Each structure stands twice: as structure tokens, then as C-alpha cells.
Amino acid sequence: TWCRPCIEEIPTIARLSAHYRDQDAFAVVLVSDEDPDVVSRFAQAHGQGLAFFLVREGFPASLWEESRPFTVLFDCSGEIVYRRRGAADWSHASVKHVVDALLERCSGRSPVAD
């Protein structure tokens, strides 16, 4: 809620999410360990309809990173296949290429057309 690069990348995350909205094996999850009221107000102001989840007991060690934003992509078996420190344009064609490959590997279906 305080991280300017995090706020700036949310629109690109929302565009990526919208692009893959019909894919069963694709989900966008934004996670915070901040106060629930703060996160709720932030989601209403900046969330663009994305789902926000709160961590109650602390992040798993494999997902913890001091850097913000910190983004992780998982494959369909739950394995981490990509880690990114810092902001990114998540709606960029290069990201879609990676997501398409993961979806194809997981489902055997063709990638989503632009």
C-alpha cells in the first residue's frame, strides 16, 4: 500500500489478468501482510478489481523477499518458475509469451490470441 512501484504496476497486472480471464489454469493473486483495513482501502482505491489476500502467519520462506514489488509465477504443479524483483509491465508481450507457454504445458491448449 506504500510501495510506489507496486501501485504503478497494478494496471499492467489488471490487463494481464483480463487477457487470461477465461483460462482456468491462470490466476492473479496479490498478497499483503499489512493491516486488513489498510489493504481493504488500498484495494478499493487502486485494486482495479484484482483479488487481494492477507497473510496471517507470515510468508512462506520460499516467497519472502525484502524487495518490493516481488512477483512469483507458478506452473500448474505449484512449482516456482519465475521470480521478479522490482516493477514490471506485466501486460508486455514477453510476459504473455511466458504465460502462454505455461498454460500450454499445463493444459495442452493453444495460447490465447491477442
PDB file of N, CA and C in Angstrom:
ATOM      1  N   THR A   1       0.814  -1.199   0.000  1.00  0.00           N
ATOM      2  CA  THR A   1       0.000   0.000   0.000  1.00  0.00           C
ATOM      3  C   THR A   1       0.856   1.260   0.000  1.00  0.00           C
ATOM      4  N   TRP A   2       2.111   1.145   0.379  1.00  0.00           N
ATOM      5  CA  TRP A   2       3.014   2.282   0.463  1.00  0.00           C
ATOM      6  C   TRP A   2       4.038   2.276  -0.667  1.00  0.00           C
ATOM      7  N   CYS A   3       4.112   1.205  -1.415  1.00  0.00           N
ATOM      8  CA  CYS A   3       5.155   0.988  -2.417  1.00  0.00           C
ATOM      9  C   CYS A   3       4.733   1.598  -3.759  1.00  0.00           C
ATOM     10  N   ARG A   4       5.357   2.705  -4.152  1.00  0.00           N
ATOM     11  CA  ARG A   4       5.000   3.394  -5.393  1.00  0.00           C
ATOM     12  C   ARG A   4       5.138   2.478  -6.620  1.00  0.00           C
ATOM     13  N   PRO A   5       6.266   1.721  -6.798  1.00  0.00           N
ATOM     14  CA  PRO A   5       6.355   0.826  -7.960  1.00  0.00           C
ATOM     15  C   PRO A   5       5.256  -0.253  -7.965  1.00  0.00           C
ATOM     16  N   CYS A   6       4.865  -0.695  -6.775  1.00  0.00           N
ATOM     17  CA  CYS A   6       3.783  -1.690  -6.690  1.00  0.00           C
ATOM     18  C   CYS A   6       2.484  -1.100  -7.232  1.00  0.00           C
ATOM     19  N   ILE A   7       2.188   0.113  -6.807  1.00  0.00           N
ATOM     20  CA  ILE A   7       0.969   0.793  -7.246  1.00  0.00           C
ATOM     21  C   ILE A   7       1.011   1.015  -8.755  1.00  0.00           C
ATOM     22  N   GLU A   8       2.177   1.400  -9.260  1.00  0.00           N
ATOM     23  CA  GLU A   8       2.315   1.699 -10.685  1.00  0.00           C
ATOM     24  C   GLU A   8       2.161   0.467 -11.570  1.00  0.00           C
ATOM     25  N   GLU A   9       2.512  -0.719 -11.065  1.00  0.00           N
ATOM     26  CA  GLU A   9       2.400  -1.908 -11.911  1.00  0.00           C
ATOM     27  C   GLU A   9       1.017  -2.561 -11.844  1.00  0.00           C
ATOM     28  N   ILE A  10       0.165  -2.163 -10.926  1.00  0.00           N
ATOM     29  CA  ILE A  10      -1.162  -2.775 -10.812  1.00  0.00           C
ATOM     30  C   ILE A  10      -1.971  -2.684 -12.107  1.00  0.00           C
ATOM     31  N   PRO A  11      -1.991  -1.563 -12.825  1.00  0.00           N
ATOM     32  CA  PRO A  11      -2.755  -1.555 -14.085  1.00  0.00           C
ATOM     33  C   PRO A  11      -2.271  -2.605 -15.090  1.00  0.00           C
ATOM     34  N   THR A  12      -0.970  -2.868 -15.138  1.00  0.00           N
ATOM     35  CA  THR A  12      -0.471  -3.875 -16.076  1.00  0.00           C
ATOM     36  C   THR A  12      -0.843  -5.274 -15.613  1.00  0.00           C
ATOM     37  N   ILE A  13      -0.871  -5.491 -14.304  1.00  0.00           N
ATOM     38  CA  ILE A  13      -1.324  -6.776 -13.764  1.00  0.00           C
ATOM     39  C   ILE A  13      -2.809  -6.973 -14.087  1.00  0.00           C
ATOM     40  N   ALA A  14      -3.589  -5.917 -13.962  1.00  0.00           N
ATOM     41  CA  ALA A  14      -5.020  -5.999 -14.278  1.00  0.00           C
ATOM     42  C   ALA A  14      -5.227  -6.317 -15.761  1.00  0.00           C
ATOM     43  N   ARG A  15      -4.430  -5.718 -16.645  1.00  0.00           N
ATOM     44  CA  ARG A  15      -4.558  -6.022 -18.077  1.00  0.00           C
ATOM     45  C   ARG A  15      -4.184  -7.467 -18.370  1.00  0.00           C
ATOM     46  N   LEU A  16      -3.122  -7.959 -17.721  1.00  0.00           N
ATOM     47  CA  LEU A  16      -2.731  -9.359 -17.901  1.00  0.00           C
ATOM     48  C   LEU A  16      -3.834 -10.280 -17.404  1.00  0.00           C
ATOM     49  N   SER A  17      -4.386  -9.981 -16.258  1.00  0.00           N
ATOM     50  CA  SER A  17      -5.469 -10.784 -15.699  1.00  0.00           C
ATOM     51  C   SER A  17      -6.679 -10.806 -16.637  1.00  0.00           C
ATOM     52  N   ALA A  18      -7.034  -9.649 -17.186  1.00  0.00           N
ATOM     53  CA  ALA A  18      -8.175  -9.572 -18.108  1.00  0.00           C
ATOM     54  C   ALA A  18      -7.906 -10.381 -19.377  1.00  0.00           C
ATOM     55  N   HIS A  19      -6.678 -10.355 -19.843  1.00  0.00           N
ATOM     56  CA  HIS A  19      -6.311 -11.087 -21.058  1.00  0.00           C
ATOM     57  C   HIS A  19      -6.533 -12.595 -20.890  1.00  0.00           C
ATOM     58  N   TYR A  20      -6.275 -13.098 -19.691  1.00  0.00           N
ATOM     59  CA  TYR A  20      -6.365 -14.540 -19.430  1.00  0.00           C
ATOM     60  C   TYR A  20      -7.593 -14.924 -18.605  1.00  0.00           C
ATOM     61  N   ARG A  21      -8.574 -14.063 -18.507  1.00  0.00           N
ATOM     62  CA  ARG A  21      -9.717 -14.297 -17.625  1.00  0.00           C
ATOM     63  C   ARG A  21     -10.468 -15.603 -17.909  1.00  0.00           C
ATOM     64  N   ASP A  22     -10.423 -16.103 -19.138  1.00  0.00           N
ATOM     65  CA  ASP A  22     -11.135 -17.333 -19.479  1.00  0.00           C
ATOM     66  C   ASP A  22     -10.291 -18.593 -19.323  1.00  0.00           C
ATOM     67  N   GLN A  23      -9.078 -18.446 -18.839  1.00  0.00           N
ATOM     68  CA  GLN A  23      -8.188 -19.588 -18.656  1.00  0.00           C
ATOM     69  C   GLN A  23      -8.317 -20.138 -17.234  1.00  0.00           C
ATOM     70  N   ASP A  24      -8.749 -21.378 -17.121  1.00  0.00           N
ATOM     71  CA  ASP A  24      -8.935 -21.996 -15.802  1.00  0.00           C
ATOM     72  C   ASP A  24      -7.640 -22.110 -15.012  1.00  0.00           C
ATOM     73  N   ALA A  25      -6.527 -22.285 -15.702  1.00  0.00           N
ATOM     74  CA  ALA A  25      -5.252 -22.514 -15.024  1.00  0.00           C
ATOM     75  C   ALA A  25      -4.488 -21.231 -14.740  1.00  0.00           C
ATOM     76  N   PHE A  26      -5.159 -20.080 -14.870  1.00  0.00           N
ATOM     77  CA  PHE A  26      -4.486 -18.804 -14.665  1.00  0.00           C
ATOM     78  C   PHE A  26      -5.181 -18.020 -13.565  1.00  0.00           C
ATOM     79  N   ALA A  27      -4.397 -17.487 -12.641  1.00  0.00           N
ATOM     80  CA  ALA A  27      -4.956 -16.663 -11.565  1.00  0.00           C
ATOM     81  C   ALA A  27      -3.942 -15.599 -11.183  1.00  0.00           C
ATOM     82  N   VAL A  28      -4.441 -14.446 -10.816  1.00  0.00           N
ATOM     83  CA  VAL A  28      -3.608 -13.380 -10.271  1.00  0.00           C
ATOM     84  C   VAL A  28      -3.993 -13.232  -8.812  1.00  0.00           C
ATOM     85  N   VAL A  29      -3.007 -13.288  -7.942  1.00  0.00           N
ATOM     86  CA  VAL A  29      -3.231 -13.146  -6.509  1.00  0.00           C
ATOM     87  C   VAL A  29      -2.262 -12.103  -5.983  1.00  0.00           C
ATOM     88  N   LEU A  30      -2.788 -11.069  -5.364  1.00  0.00           N
ATOM     89  CA  LEU A  30      -1.966 -10.055  -4.723  1.00  0.00           C
ATOM     90  C   LEU A  30      -2.019 -10.303  -3.221  1.00  0.00           C
ATOM     91  N   VAL A  31      -0.853 -10.407  -2.611  1.00  0.00           N
ATOM     92  CA  VAL A  31      -0.760 -10.806  -1.209  1.00  0.00           C
ATOM     93  C   VAL A  31      -0.091  -9.702  -0.402  1.00  0.00           C
ATOM     94  N   SER A  32      -0.622  -9.473   0.791  1.00  0.00           N
ATOM     95  CA  SER A  32      -0.045  -8.470   1.685  1.00  0.00           C
ATOM     96  C   SER A  32      -0.059  -8.994   3.116  1.00  0.00           C
ATOM     97  N   ASP A  33       0.901  -8.541   3.894  1.00  0.00           N
ATOM     98  CA  ASP A  33       0.917  -8.866   5.318  1.00  0.00           C
ATOM     99  C   ASP A  33       0.602  -7.631   6.155  1.00  0.00           C
ATOM    100  N   GLU A  34       0.018  -6.628   5.506  1.00  0.00           N
ATOM    101  CA  GLU A  34      -0.319  -5.387   6.191  1.00  0.00           C
ATOM    102  C   GLU A  34      -1.668  -5.487   6.900  1.00  0.00           C
ATOM    103  N   ASP A  35      -2.006  -4.443   7.630  1.00  0.00           N
ATOM    104  CA  ASP A  35      -3.271  -4.365   8.345  1.00  0.00           C
ATOM    105  C   ASP A  35      -4.442  -4.554   7.368  1.00  0.00           C
ATOM    106  N   PRO A  36      -5.415  -5.411   7.702  1.00  0.00           N
ATOM    107  CA  PRO A  36      -6.536  -5.672   6.798  1.00  0.00           C
ATOM    108  C   PRO A  36      -7.310  -4.424   6.381  1.00  0.00           C
ATOM    109  N   ASP A  37      -7.508  -3.480   7.280  1.00  0.00           N
ATOM    110  CA  ASP A  37      -8.229  -2.250   6.921  1.00  0.00           C
ATOM    111  C   ASP A  37      -7.449  -1.423   5.904  1.00  0.00           C
ATOM    112  N   VAL A  38      -6.146  -1.359   6.074  1.00  0.00           N
ATOM    113  CA  VAL A  38      -5.291  -0.619   5.144  1.00  0.00           C
ATOM    114  C   VAL A  38      -5.349  -1.269   3.762  1.00  0.00           C
ATOM    115  N   VAL A  39      -5.252  -2.595   3.721  1.00  0.00           N
ATOM    116  CA  VAL A  39      -5.294  -3.318   2.447  1.00  0.00           C
ATOM    117  C   VAL A  39      -6.658  -3.152   1.782  1.00  0.00           C
ATOM    118  N   SER A  40      -7.722  -3.209   2.565  1.00  0.00           N
ATOM    119  CA  SER A  40      -9.067  -3.047   2.011  1.00  0.00           C
ATOM    120  C   SER A  40      -9.239  -1.670   1.368  1.00  0.00           C
ATOM    121  N   ARG A  41      -8.811  -0.631   2.051  1.00  0.00           N
ATOM    122  CA  ARG A  41      -8.901   0.720   1.491  1.00  0.00           C
ATOM    123  C   ARG A  41      -8.042   0.854   0.236  1.00  0.00           C
ATOM    124  N   PHE A  42      -6.861   0.270   0.279  1.00  0.00           N
ATOM    125  CA  PHE A  42      -5.967   0.301  -0.878  1.00  0.00           C
ATOM    126  C   PHE A  42      -6.603  -0.430  -2.069  1.00  0.00           C
ATOM    127  N   ALA A  43      -7.160  -1.604  -1.832  1.00  0.00           N
ATOM    128  CA  ALA A  43      -7.783  -2.391  -2.906  1.00  0.00           C
ATOM    129  C   ALA A  43      -8.938  -1.622  -3.539  1.00  0.00           C
ATOM    130  N   GLN A  44      -9.719  -0.939  -2.720  1.00  0.00           N
ATOM    131  CA  GLN A  44     -10.835  -0.153  -3.254  1.00  0.00           C
ATOM    132  C   GLN A  44     -10.332   1.014  -4.110  1.00  0.00           C
ATOM    133  N   ALA A  45      -9.244   1.626  -3.702  1.00  0.00           N
ATOM    134  CA  ALA A  45      -8.727   2.798  -4.414  1.00  0.00           C
ATOM    135  C   ALA A  45      -7.887   2.440  -5.636  1.00  0.00           C
ATOM    136  N   HIS A  46      -7.122   1.368  -5.558  1.00  0.00           N
ATOM    137  CA  HIS A  46      -6.134   1.067  -6.593  1.00  0.00           C
ATOM    138  C   HIS A  46      -6.231  -0.336  -7.173  1.00  0.00           C
ATOM    139  N   GLY A  47      -7.091  -1.185  -6.638  1.00  0.00           N
ATOM    140  CA  GLY A  47      -7.060  -2.609  -6.953  1.00  0.00           C
ATOM    141  C   GLY A  47      -7.557  -3.027  -8.307  1.00  0.00           C
ATOM    142  N   GLN A  48      -8.323  -2.177  -8.995  1.00  0.00           N
ATOM    143  CA  GLN A  48      -8.825  -2.474 -10.336  1.00  0.00           C
ATOM    144  C   GLN A  48      -9.498  -3.838 -10.430  1.00  0.00           C
ATOM    145  N   GLY A  49     -10.194  -4.220  -9.373  1.00  0.00           N
ATOM    146  CA  GLY A  49     -10.944  -5.474  -9.384  1.00  0.00           C
ATOM    147  C   GLY A  49     -10.129  -6.727  -9.129  1.00  0.00           C
ATOM    148  N   LEU A  50      -8.839  -6.579  -8.833  1.00  0.00           N
ATOM    149  CA  LEU A  50      -7.993  -7.739  -8.554  1.00  0.00           C
ATOM    150  C   LEU A  50      -8.246  -8.255  -7.139  1.00  0.00           C
ATOM    151  N   ALA A  51      -7.975  -9.536  -6.930  1.00  0.00           N
ATOM    152  CA  ALA A  51      -8.155 -10.146  -5.611  1.00  0.00           C
ATOM    153  C   ALA A  51      -6.929  -9.891  -4.745  1.00  0.00           C
ATOM    154  N   PHE A  52      -7.164  -9.468  -3.513  1.00  0.00           N
ATOM    155  CA  PHE A  52      -6.097  -9.264  -2.540  1.00  0.00           C
ATOM    156  C   PHE A  52      -6.295 -10.264  -1.400  1.00  0.00           C
ATOM    157  N   PHE A  53      -5.202 -10.880  -0.968  1.00  0.00           N
ATOM    158  CA  PHE A  53      -5.245 -11.825   0.133  1.00  0.00           C
ATOM    159  C   PHE A  53      -4.282 -11.370   1.220  1.00  0.00           C
ATOM    160  N   LEU A  54      -4.638 -11.673   2.452  1.00  0.00           N
ATOM    161  CA  LEU A  54      -3.812 -11.301   3.592  1.00  0.00           C
ATOM    162  C   LEU A  54      -3.117 -12.527   4.163  1.00  0.00           C
ATOM    163  N   VAL A  55      -1.867 -12.356   4.538  1.00  0.00           N
ATOM    164  CA  VAL A  55      -1.101 -13.407   5.184  1.00  0.00           C
ATOM    165  C   VAL A  55      -1.222 -13.208   6.680  1.00  0.00           C
ATOM    166  N   ARG A  56      -1.681 -14.213   7.393  1.00  0.00           N
ATOM    167  CA  ARG A  56      -1.873 -14.095   8.842  1.00  0.00           C
ATOM    168  C   ARG A  56      -0.658 -14.552   9.649  1.00  0.00           C
ATOM    169  N   GLU A  57       0.049 -15.547   9.165  1.00  0.00           N
ATOM    170  CA  GLU A  57       1.138 -16.140   9.932  1.00  0.00           C
ATOM    171  C   GLU A  57       2.516 -15.866   9.345  1.00  0.00           C
ATOM    172  N   GLY A  58       2.624 -14.986   8.382  1.00  0.00           N
ATOM    173  CA  GLY A  58       3.908 -14.716   7.743  1.00  0.00           C
ATOM    174  C   GLY A  58       4.036 -15.466   6.432  1.00  0.00           C
ATOM    175  N   PHE A  59       4.824 -14.912   5.537  1.00  0.00           N
ATOM    176  CA  PHE A  59       5.020 -15.517   4.231  1.00  0.00           C
ATOM    177  C   PHE A  59       5.843 -16.792   4.342  1.00  0.00           C
ATOM    178  N   PRO A  60       5.567 -17.790   3.495  1.00  0.00           N
ATOM    179  CA  PRO A  60       6.469 -18.947   3.424  1.00  0.00           C
ATOM    180  C   PRO A  60       7.860 -18.464   3.015  1.00  0.00           C
ATOM    181  N   ALA A  61       8.881 -19.091   3.531  1.00  0.00           N
ATOM    182  CA  ALA A  61      10.256 -18.661   3.265  1.00  0.00           C
ATOM    183  C   ALA A  61      10.545 -18.584   1.769  1.00  0.00           C
ATOM    184  N   SER A  62       9.998 -19.488   0.978  1.00  0.00           N
ATOM    185  CA  SER A  62      10.273 -19.503  -0.459  1.00  0.00           C
ATOM    186  C   SER A  62       9.651 -18.317  -1.189  1.00  0.00           C
ATOM    187  N   LEU A  63       8.713 -17.625  -0.542  1.00  0.00           N
ATOM    188  CA  LEU A  63       8.042 -16.488  -1.176  1.00  0.00           C
ATOM    189  C   LEU A  63       8.439 -15.149  -0.573  1.00  0.00           C
ATOM    190  N   TRP A  64       9.274 -15.165   0.441  1.00  0.00           N
ATOM    191  CA  TRP A  64       9.643 -13.915   1.103  1.00  0.00           C
ATOM    192  C   TRP A  64      10.788 -13.249   0.362  1.00  0.00           C
ATOM    193  N   GLU A  65      10.680 -11.955   0.195  1.00  0.00           N
ATOM    194  CA  GLU A  65      11.712 -11.150  -0.440  1.00  0.00           C
ATOM    195  C   GLU A  65      11.623  -9.760   0.152  1.00  0.00           C
ATOM    196  N   GLU A  66      12.747  -9.165   0.493  1.00  0.00           N
ATOM    197  CA  GLU A  66      12.761  -7.809   1.034  1.00  0.00           C
ATOM    198  C   GLU A  66      12.356  -6.779  -0.013  1.00  0.00           C
ATOM    199  N   SER A  67      12.697  -7.048  -1.249  1.00  0.00           N
ATOM    200  CA  SER A  67      12.416  -6.123  -2.341  1.00  0.00           C
ATOM    201  C   SER A  67      10.918  -6.029  -2.607  1.00  0.00           C
ATOM    202  N   ARG A  68      10.453  -4.823  -2.959  1.00  0.00           N
ATOM    203  CA  ARG A  68       9.056  -4.614  -3.338  1.00  0.00           C
ATOM    204  C   ARG A  68       9.021  -3.834  -4.629  1.00  0.00           C
ATOM    205  N   PRO A  69       8.196  -4.164  -5.566  1.00  0.00           N
ATOM    206  CA  PRO A  69       7.373  -5.360  -5.563  1.00  0.00           C
ATOM    207  C   PRO A  69       8.211  -6.613  -5.812  1.00  0.00           C
ATOM    208  N   PHE A  70       7.655  -7.732  -5.444  1.00  0.00           N
ATOM    209  CA  PHE A  70       8.263  -9.037  -5.679  1.00  0.00           C
ATOM    210  C   PHE A  70       7.173  -9.927  -6.243  1.00  0.00           C
ATOM    211  N   THR A  71       7.419 -10.496  -7.410  1.00  0.00           N
ATOM    212  CA  THR A  71       6.408 -11.275  -8.111  1.00  0.00           C
ATOM    213  C   THR A  71       6.935 -12.672  -8.394  1.00  0.00           C
ATOM    214  N   VAL A  72       6.047 -13.645  -8.253  1.00  0.00           N
ATOM    215  CA  VAL A  72       6.382 -15.040  -8.485  1.00  0.00           C
ATOM    216  C   VAL A  72       5.359 -15.635  -9.444  1.00  0.00           C
ATOM    217  N   LEU A  73       5.849 -16.405 -10.421  1.00  0.00           N
ATOM    218  CA  LEU A  73       4.965 -17.175 -11.292  1.00  0.00           C
ATOM    219  C   LEU A  73       5.133 -18.651 -10.957  1.00  0.00           C
ATOM    220  N   PHE A  74       4.006 -19.349 -10.876  1.00  0.00           N
ATOM    221  CA  PHE A  74       3.998 -20.778 -10.595  1.00  0.00           C
ATOM    222  C   PHE A  74       3.524 -21.534 -11.823  1.00  0.00           C
ATOM    223  N   ASP A  75       3.977 -22.762 -11.984  1.00  0.00           N
ATOM    224  CA  ASP A  75       3.404 -23.607 -13.022  1.00  0.00           C
ATOM    225  C   ASP A  75       2.200 -24.345 -12.442  1.00  0.00           C
ATOM    226  N   CYS A  76       1.573 -25.192 -13.239  1.00  0.00           N
ATOM    227  CA  CYS A  76       0.340 -25.841 -12.799  1.00  0.00           C
ATOM    228  C   CYS A  76       0.561 -26.851 -11.679  1.00  0.00           C
ATOM    229  N   SER A  77       1.812 -27.251 -11.441  1.00  0.00           N
ATOM    230  CA  SER A  77       2.076 -28.166 -10.329  1.00  0.00           C
ATOM    231  C   SER A  77       2.452 -27.420  -9.054  1.00  0.00           C
ATOM    232  N   GLY A  78       2.444 -26.081  -9.117  1.00  0.00           N
ATOM    233  CA  GLY A  78       2.757 -25.281  -7.939  1.00  0.00           C
ATOM    234  C   GLY A  78       4.229 -24.962  -7.770  1.00  0.00           C
ATOM    235  N   GLU A  79       5.044 -25.316  -8.751  1.00  0.00           N
ATOM    236  CA  GLU A  79       6.474 -25.015  -8.689  1.00  0.00           C
ATOM    237  C   GLU A  79       6.725 -23.574  -9.130  1.00  0.00           C
ATOM    238  N   ILE A  80       7.626 -22.907  -8.441  1.00  0.00           N
ATOM    239  CA  ILE A  80       8.009 -21.557  -8.839  1.00  0.00           C
ATOM    240  C   ILE A  80       8.857 -21.651 -10.102  1.00  0.00           C
ATOM    241  N   VAL A  81       8.427 -20.946 -11.152  1.00  0.00           N
ATOM    242  CA  VAL A  81       9.167 -20.972 -12.418  1.00  0.00           C
ATOM    243  C   VAL A  81       9.770 -19.619 -12.763  1.00  0.00           C
ATOM    244  N   TYR A  82       9.398 -18.578 -12.019  1.00  0.00           N
ATOM    245  CA  TYR A  82       9.906 -17.243 -12.311  1.00  0.00           C
ATOM    246  C   TYR A  82       9.793 -16.377 -11.068  1.00  0.00           C
ATOM    247  N   ARG A  83      10.853 -15.620 -10.787  1.00  0.00           N
ATOM    248  CA  ARG A  83      10.863 -14.639  -9.694  1.00  0.00           C
ATOM    249  C   ARG A  83      11.304 -13.304 -10.266  1.00  0.00           C
ATOM    250  N   ARG A  84      10.616 -12.257  -9.849  1.00  0.00           N
ATOM    251  CA  ARG A  84      10.962 -10.922 -10.337  1.00  0.00           C
ATOM    252  C   ARG A  84      11.024  -9.954  -9.166  1.00  0.00           C
ATOM    253  N   ARG A  85      12.171  -9.300  -9.005  1.00  0.00           N
ATOM    254  CA  ARG A  85      12.315  -8.216  -8.032  1.00  0.00           C
ATOM    255  C   ARG A  85      12.130  -6.914  -8.783  1.00  0.00           C
ATOM    256  N   GLY A  86      11.277  -6.044  -8.268  1.00  0.00           N
ATOM    257  CA  GLY A  86      11.062  -4.751  -8.897  1.00  0.00           C
ATOM    258  C   GLY A  86       9.849  -4.769  -9.811  1.00  0.00           C
ATOM    259  N   ALA A  87       9.467  -3.575 -10.214  1.00  0.00           N
ATOM    260  CA  ALA A  87       8.273  -3.402 -11.040  1.00  0.00           C
ATOM    261  C   ALA A  87       8.500  -3.912 -12.453  1.00  0.00           C
ATOM    262  N   ALA A  88       7.398  -4.264 -13.098  1.00  0.00           N
ATOM    263  CA  ALA A  88       7.446  -4.734 -14.480  1.00  0.00           C
ATOM    264  C   ALA A  88       6.157  -4.348 -15.180  1.00  0.00           C
ATOM    265  N   ASP A  89       6.195  -4.379 -16.495  1.00  0.00           N
ATOM    266  CA  ASP A  89       4.985  -4.228 -17.292  1.00  0.00           C
ATOM    267  C   ASP A  89       4.456  -5.639 -17.540  1.00  0.00           C
ATOM    268  N   TRP A  90       3.526  -6.068 -16.700  1.00  0.00           N
ATOM    269  CA  TRP A  90       3.015  -7.438 -16.759  1.00  0.00           C
ATOM    270  C   TRP A  90       2.093  -7.689 -17.942  1.00  0.00           C
ATOM    271  N   SER A  91       1.751  -6.650 -18.688  1.00  0.00           N
ATOM    272  CA  SER A  91       0.928  -6.839 -19.878  1.00  0.00           C
ATOM    273  C   SER A  91       1.786  -6.868 -21.155  1.00  0.00           C
ATOM    274  N   HIS A  92       3.098  -6.819 -21.004  1.00  0.00           N
ATOM    275  CA  HIS A  92       4.007  -6.832 -22.145  1.00  0.00           C
ATOM    276  C   HIS A  92       3.945  -8.181 -22.869  1.00  0.00           C
ATOM    277  N   ALA A  93       4.190  -8.162 -24.161  1.00  0.00           N
ATOM    278  CA  ALA A  93       4.139  -9.381 -24.976  1.00  0.00           C
ATOM    279  C   ALA A  93       5.089 -10.465 -24.472  1.00  0.00           C
ATOM    280  N   SER A  94       6.238 -10.079 -23.932  1.00  0.00           N
ATOM    281  CA  SER A  94       7.188 -11.089 -23.440  1.00  0.00           C
ATOM    282  C   SER A  94       6.629 -11.857 -22.248  1.00  0.00           C
ATOM    283  N   VAL A  95       5.859 -11.186 -21.406  1.00  0.00           N
ATOM    284  CA  VAL A  95       5.224 -11.855 -20.264  1.00  0.00           C
ATOM    285  C   VAL A  95       4.143 -12.795 -20.775  1.00  0.00           C
ATOM    286  N   LYS A  96       3.343 -12.328 -21.721  1.00  0.00           N
ATOM    287  CA  LYS A  96       2.293 -13.178 -22.287  1.00  0.00           C
ATOM    288  C   LYS A  96       2.888 -14.423 -22.931  1.00  0.00           C
ATOM    289  N   HIS A  97       4.045 -14.283 -23.554  1.00  0.00           N
ATOM    290  CA  HIS A  97       4.720 -15.440 -24.160  1.00  0.00           C
ATOM    291  C   HIS A  97       5.045 -16.486 -23.086  1.00  0.00           C
ATOM    292  N   VAL A  98       5.560 -16.046 -21.956  1.00  0.00           N
ATOM    293  CA  VAL A  98       5.879 -16.956 -20.854  1.00  0.00           C
ATOM    294  C   VAL A  98       4.611 -17.600 -20.307  1.00  0.00           C
ATOM    295  N   VAL A  99       3.569 -16.801 -20.078  1.00  0.00           N
ATOM    296  CA  VAL A  99       2.310 -17.327 -19.550  1.00  0.00           C
ATOM    297  C   VAL A  99       1.677 -18.293 -20.552  1.00  0.00           C
ATOM    298  N   ASP A 100       1.695 -17.944 -21.837  1.00  0.00           N
ATOM    299  CA  ASP A 100       1.153 -18.844 -22.858  1.00  0.00           C
ATOM    300  C   ASP A 100       1.847 -20.204 -22.822  1.00  0.00           C
ATOM    301  N   ALA A 101       3.165 -20.183 -22.707  1.00  0.00           N
ATOM    302  CA  ALA A 101       3.925 -21.439 -22.664  1.00  0.00           C
ATOM    303  C   ALA A 101       3.551 -22.255 -21.432  1.00  0.00           C
ATOM    304  N   LEU A 102       3.396 -21.594 -20.285  1.00  0.00           N
ATOM    305  CA  LEU A 102       2.996 -22.308 -19.071  1.00  0.00           C
ATOM    306  C   LEU A 102       1.597 -22.901 -19.216  1.00  0.00           C
ATOM    307  N   LEU A 103       0.672 -22.128 -19.758  1.00  0.00           N
ATOM    308  CA  LEU A 103      -0.698 -22.620 -19.938  1.00  0.00           C
ATOM    309  C   LEU A 103      -0.745 -23.780 -20.922  1.00  0.00           C
ATOM    310  N   GLU A 104       0.012 -23.670 -21.979  1.00  0.00           N
ATOM    311  CA  GLU A 104       0.030 -24.752 -22.967  1.00  0.00           C
ATOM    312  C   GLU A 104       0.604 -26.028 -22.358  1.00  0.00           C
ATOM    313  N   ARG A 105       1.650 -25.886 -21.582  1.00  0.00           N
ATOM    314  CA  ARG A 105       2.266 -27.043 -20.936  1.00  0.00           C
ATOM    315  C   ARG A 105       1.307 -27.671 -19.917  1.00  0.00           C
ATOM    316  N   CYS A 106       0.548 -26.825 -19.225  1.00  0.00           N
ATOM    317  CA  CYS A 106      -0.363 -27.323 -18.200  1.00  0.00           C
ATOM    318  C   CYS A 106      -1.642 -27.944 -18.766  1.00  0.00           C
ATOM    319  N   SER A 107      -2.123 -27.385 -19.860  1.00  0.00           N
ATOM    320  CA  SER A 107      -3.438 -27.828 -20.339  1.00  0.00           C
ATOM    321  C   SER A 107      -3.415 -28.477 -21.706  1.00  0.00           C
ATOM    322  N   GLY A 108      -2.338 -28.310 -22.418  1.00  0.00           N
ATOM    323  CA  GLY A 108      -2.284 -28.844 -23.768  1.00  0.00           C
ATOM    324  C   GLY A 108      -3.063 -28.005 -24.765  1.00  0.00           C
ATOM    325  N   ARG A 109      -3.626 -26.865 -24.314  1.00  0.00           N
ATOM    326  CA  ARG A 109      -4.388 -25.993 -25.211  1.00  0.00           C
ATOM    327  C   ARG A 109      -3.490 -24.982 -25.896  1.00  0.00           C
ATOM    328  N   SER A 110      -3.997 -24.395 -26.938  1.00  0.00           N
ATOM    329  CA  SER A 110      -3.291 -23.351 -27.654  1.00  0.00           C
ATOM    330  C   SER A 110      -3.253 -22.072 -26.832  1.00  0.00           C
ATOM    331  N   PRO A 111      -2.207 -21.257 -27.022  1.00  0.00           N
ATOM    332  CA  PRO A 111      -2.143 -19.975 -26.313  1.00  0.00           C
ATOM    333  C   PRO A 111      -3.311 -19.063 -26.682  1.00  0.00           C
ATOM    334  N   VAL A 112      -3.566 -18.102 -25.826  1.00  0.00           N
ATOM    335  CA  VAL A 112      -4.622 -17.118 -26.053  1.00  0.00           C
ATOM    336  C   VAL A 112      -4.183 -16.153 -27.139  1.00  0.00           C
ATOM    337  N   ALA A 113      -5.065 -15.854 -28.071  1.00  0.00           N
ATOM    338  CA  ALA A 113      -4.750 -14.899 -29.143  1.00  0.00           C
ATOM    339  C   ALA A 113      -4.910 -13.476 -28.630  1.00  0.00           C
ATOM    340  N   ASP A 114      -4.055 -12.567 -29.114  1.00  0.00           N
ATOM    341  CA  ASP A 114      -4.181 -11.146 -28.749  1.00  0.00           C
ATOM    342  C   ASP A 114      -5.337 -10.515 -29.468  1.00  0.00           C
TER     343      ASP A 114
END
